Amino acid sequence: MERKAETLRKSKETEIKAIINIDGNGRSKIKTQIGLLDHVLELFSFHGYFDLEIEVIKADLNIDIHHTNEDIGIVLGKIFNKALGEEKAGIKRFGTGFAPMEGTLARSVIDICGRPHLSLNIGLPGASQDQVKPQENYSIKYLEHFLESFAKGLGATLNVRIENPDEDLHTCVECVFKSLGLALDQATTVDPRREGEVPSTKGIID
């Protein structure tokens, strides 16, 4: 069964179109109107082997990037959820990805369980997000908003840690999206040992 989906989400602030093929080759066409997000979503798609198109048709960027950034996360999560189907039949469900860049390491762990939750940790426990400075009209707080929206849209528990964070925001965000692509590729892979089965002892994911 093809695991493809498309969607168009409209709100008073944004209008976003997206198309996904989970079993793709990593091709992408990303036009979010947020430069850094375009770049890292291309990396996410490439390393996750997802064919992904995202187009922000309307945005309120004249105010700030808050709504657009958040809504793209929602759309991305929902389109994955739609392509996987209601039962998420046969998927491994859990995935882990590590991505280094120079001295920085990002780790993403995901469980497509129907219970949305995000935990984002920067450096050692209790460390401040402020050590990574805003850059390219983006920040760690915007990253957190994006990942939280994505987790809610997909219905997934997502744990992300950035170890030895570089002061360069670009490095940190790039590592996160690469690791997320790797983790999601693993979690959405169909395990032949449970092909066609709901990946839960409850018999349902909701």
Protein backbone atom coordinates (compact mmCIF):
# COMPACT_ATOMS: atom_id res chain seq x y z
CA MET A 1 0.00 0.00 0.00
CA GLU A 2 1.33 3.42 -0.96
CA ARG A 3 1.98 5.66 2.00
CA LYS A 4 1.31 9.00 0.40
CA ALA A 5 -0.80 11.99 1.39
CA GLU A 6 -1.43 15.60 0.61
CA THR A 7 -3.14 18.39 2.50
CA LEU A 8 -4.01 22.07 2.38
CA ARG A 9 -4.37 23.89 5.68
CA LYS A 10 -5.90 27.36 5.80
CA SER A 11 -6.15 29.70 8.76
CA LYS A 12 -6.49 33.46 9.15
CA GLU A 13 -2.69 33.69 9.40
CA THR A 14 -1.40 31.07 6.95
CA GLU A 15 -2.20 28.84 4.00
CA ILE A 16 0.09 25.82 3.62
CA LYS A 17 0.11 23.00 1.08
CA ALA A 18 2.06 19.77 1.62
CA ILE A 19 2.61 16.45 -0.18
CA ILE A 20 4.43 13.43 1.28
CA ASN A 21 5.59 10.03 0.10
CA ILE A 22 7.01 8.24 3.13
CA ASP A 23 8.60 5.56 0.92
CA GLY A 24 10.46 7.98 -1.30
CA ASN A 25 14.05 8.78 -2.23
CA GLY A 26 14.63 11.95 -0.24
CA ARG A 27 13.57 14.43 -2.91
CA SER A 28 12.10 17.70 -1.73
CA LYS A 29 10.64 20.99 -2.85
CA ILE A 30 10.42 23.32 0.12
CA LYS A 31 9.15 26.92 -0.01
CA THR A 32 8.33 28.08 3.52
CA GLN A 33 9.45 31.72 3.15
CA ILE A 34 11.75 31.08 6.15
CA GLY A 35 15.26 30.54 4.78
CA LEU A 36 16.76 28.40 7.53
CA LEU A 37 13.63 26.24 7.72
CA ASP A 38 13.78 25.60 3.96
CA HIS A 39 17.35 24.38 4.36
CA VAL A 40 16.83 22.08 7.33
CA LEU A 41 13.58 20.58 5.99
CA GLU A 42 15.46 19.62 2.83
CA LEU A 43 18.02 17.86 5.04
CA PHE A 44 15.22 16.19 7.03
CA SER A 45 13.66 14.90 3.82
CA PHE A 46 16.96 13.74 2.34
CA HIS A 47 18.20 11.81 5.36
CA GLY A 48 14.75 10.34 6.09
CA TYR A 49 14.23 9.24 2.46
CA PHE A 50 10.90 11.09 2.40
CA ASP A 51 9.69 12.77 -0.79
CA LEU A 52 8.32 16.02 0.58
CA GLU A 53 6.79 19.17 -0.84
CA ILE A 54 5.82 22.10 1.35
CA GLU A 55 4.61 25.44 0.04
CA VAL A 56 3.58 28.36 2.20
CA ILE A 57 1.06 30.12 0.00
CA LYS A 58 0.11 32.78 2.54
CA ALA A 59 1.88 33.94 5.70
CA ASP A 60 1.85 36.85 8.15
CA LEU A 61 5.62 37.29 8.12
CA ASN A 62 5.13 41.06 8.21
CA ILE A 63 4.43 40.52 11.93
CA ASP A 64 6.96 37.75 12.73
CA ILE A 65 7.59 34.09 11.86
CA HIS A 66 5.72 32.66 14.86
CA HIS A 67 2.47 31.54 13.20
CA THR A 68 4.12 30.37 9.98
CA ASN A 69 6.81 28.36 11.76
CA GLU A 70 4.28 26.73 14.10
CA ASP A 71 1.75 25.99 11.36
CA ILE A 72 4.37 24.32 9.16
CA GLY A 73 5.12 22.00 12.09
CA ILE A 74 1.42 21.20 12.45
CA VAL A 75 1.05 20.47 8.73
CA LEU A 76 4.16 18.27 8.63
CA GLY A 77 2.97 16.20 11.58
CA LYS A 78 -0.56 15.83 10.23
CA ILE A 79 0.53 14.80 6.75
CA PHE A 80 2.77 12.07 8.19
CA ASN A 81 -0.13 10.92 10.35
CA LYS A 82 -2.44 10.85 7.34
CA ALA A 83 0.04 8.92 5.16
CA LEU A 84 0.65 6.32 7.88
CA GLY A 85 -3.07 5.62 8.21
CA GLU A 86 -5.25 5.34 11.27
CA GLU A 87 -3.82 2.03 12.47
CA LYS A 88 -0.16 2.78 11.65
CA ALA A 89 -0.11 -0.83 10.46
CA GLY A 90 3.19 -2.68 10.70
CA ILE A 91 5.47 0.25 11.54
CA LYS A 92 8.32 -0.11 14.01
CA ARG A 93 6.83 2.88 15.86
CA PHE A 94 10.03 3.71 17.75
CA GLY A 95 13.02 5.43 16.16
CA THR A 96 16.34 6.92 17.25
CA GLY A 97 18.66 9.16 15.28
CA PHE A 98 22.02 10.77 16.03
CA ALA A 99 23.58 13.52 13.92
CA PRO A 100 26.93 15.18 14.71
CA MET A 101 28.27 18.40 13.25
CA GLU A 102 31.74 19.37 14.44
CA GLY A 103 31.53 19.25 18.26
CA THR A 104 27.74 19.33 18.47
CA LEU A 105 25.59 16.19 18.64
CA ALA A 106 21.81 16.04 18.28
CA ARG A 107 19.79 13.02 19.35
CA SER A 108 16.14 12.48 18.44
CA VAL A 109 14.05 9.67 19.90
CA ILE A 110 10.45 9.25 18.72
CA ASP A 111 7.49 7.03 19.55
CA ILE A 112 4.48 7.26 17.22
CA CYS A 113 2.10 6.29 19.98
CA GLY A 114 -0.83 8.72 19.70
CA ARG A 115 0.29 10.67 22.79
CA PRO A 116 1.84 13.99 21.74
CA HIS A 117 4.67 15.25 23.90
CA LEU A 118 7.93 17.13 23.32
CA SER A 119 10.99 17.22 25.51
CA LEU A 120 13.79 19.45 24.17
CA ASN A 121 17.02 19.58 26.17
CA ILE A 122 19.99 21.81 25.43
CA GLY A 123 23.35 20.70 26.84
CA LEU A 124 23.44 19.43 30.40
CA PRO A 125 20.20 19.15 32.45
CA GLY A 126 19.10 22.59 33.58
CA ALA A 127 21.19 24.43 31.00
CA SER A 128 19.70 27.59 29.51
CA GLN A 129 18.53 27.84 25.91
CA ASP A 130 20.02 31.35 25.89
CA GLN A 131 23.51 29.97 25.30
CA VAL A 132 22.55 29.47 21.64
CA LYS A 133 22.06 32.90 20.12
CA PRO A 134 19.25 33.73 17.64
CA GLN A 135 20.42 33.73 14.05
CA GLU A 136 18.94 34.05 10.55
CA ASN A 137 15.62 35.26 12.03
CA TYR A 138 15.33 31.99 13.98
CA SER A 139 15.94 30.86 17.57
CA ILE A 140 15.87 27.81 19.85
CA LYS A 141 12.42 28.91 21.02
CA TYR A 142 11.16 28.79 17.43
CA LEU A 143 12.71 25.33 17.07
CA GLU A 144 10.87 24.23 20.20
CA HIS A 145 7.56 25.60 18.86
CA PHE A 146 8.07 23.80 15.54
CA LEU A 147 8.90 20.44 17.15
CA GLU A 148 6.01 20.71 19.61
CA SER A 149 3.57 21.42 16.77
CA PHE A 150 5.00 18.54 14.76
CA ALA A 151 4.65 16.12 17.69
CA LYS A 152 1.04 17.18 18.22
CA GLY A 153 0.17 16.89 14.53
CA LEU A 154 1.68 13.42 14.26
CA GLY A 155 0.57 12.20 17.67
CA ALA A 156 4.06 11.28 18.82
CA THR A 157 6.26 11.47 21.87
CA LEU A 158 9.47 13.21 20.81
CA ASN A 159 12.61 13.59 22.90
CA VAL A 160 15.36 15.79 21.43
CA ARG A 161 18.70 16.60 23.04
CA ILE A 162 21.45 18.86 21.73
CA GLU A 163 24.74 17.89 23.35
CA ASN A 164 27.66 20.29 23.47
CA PRO A 165 25.60 22.96 21.69
CA ASP A 166 27.50 25.31 19.43
CA GLU A 167 26.80 29.02 19.87
CA ASP A 168 25.97 28.93 16.16
CA LEU A 169 22.21 28.31 15.97
CA HIS A 170 22.45 27.02 12.39
CA THR A 171 24.67 24.13 13.52
CA CYS A 172 22.29 23.14 16.33
CA VAL A 173 19.12 23.30 14.24
CA GLU A 174 20.71 21.44 11.32
CA CYS A 175 21.82 18.60 13.61
CA VAL A 176 18.31 18.33 15.07
CA PHE A 177 16.55 18.06 11.72
CA LYS A 178 19.03 15.50 10.42
CA SER A 179 18.62 13.37 13.55
CA LEU A 180 14.84 13.71 13.35
CA GLY A 181 14.82 12.51 9.74
CA LEU A 182 16.91 9.48 10.71
CA ALA A 183 14.68 8.68 13.70
CA LEU A 184 11.45 9.07 11.75
CA ASP A 185 12.75 6.91 8.91
CA GLN A 186 13.36 4.13 11.42
CA ALA A 187 10.02 4.60 13.22
CA THR A 188 7.96 4.57 10.00
CA THR A 189 9.71 1.50 8.54
CA VAL A 190 7.40 -1.48 8.16
CA ASP A 191 8.68 -4.48 10.12
CA PRO A 192 7.87 -7.68 8.17
CA ARG A 193 7.44 -9.53 11.46
CA ARG A 194 4.36 -7.43 12.23
CA GLU A 195 3.23 -6.39 8.75
CA GLY A 196 -0.43 -5.39 8.78
CA GLU A 197 -0.66 -5.37 12.59
CA VAL A 198 -1.24 -2.38 14.85
CA PRO A 199 2.09 -1.78 16.65
CA SER A 200 0.60 -1.74 20.14
CA THR A 201 -0.42 -4.36 22.70
CA LYS A 202 -3.66 -2.37 23.11
CA GLY A 203 -4.54 -3.07 19.49
CA ILE A 204 -5.06 0.62 18.81
CA ILE A 205 -3.05 3.85 18.56
CA ASP A 206 -5.07 6.92 19.48
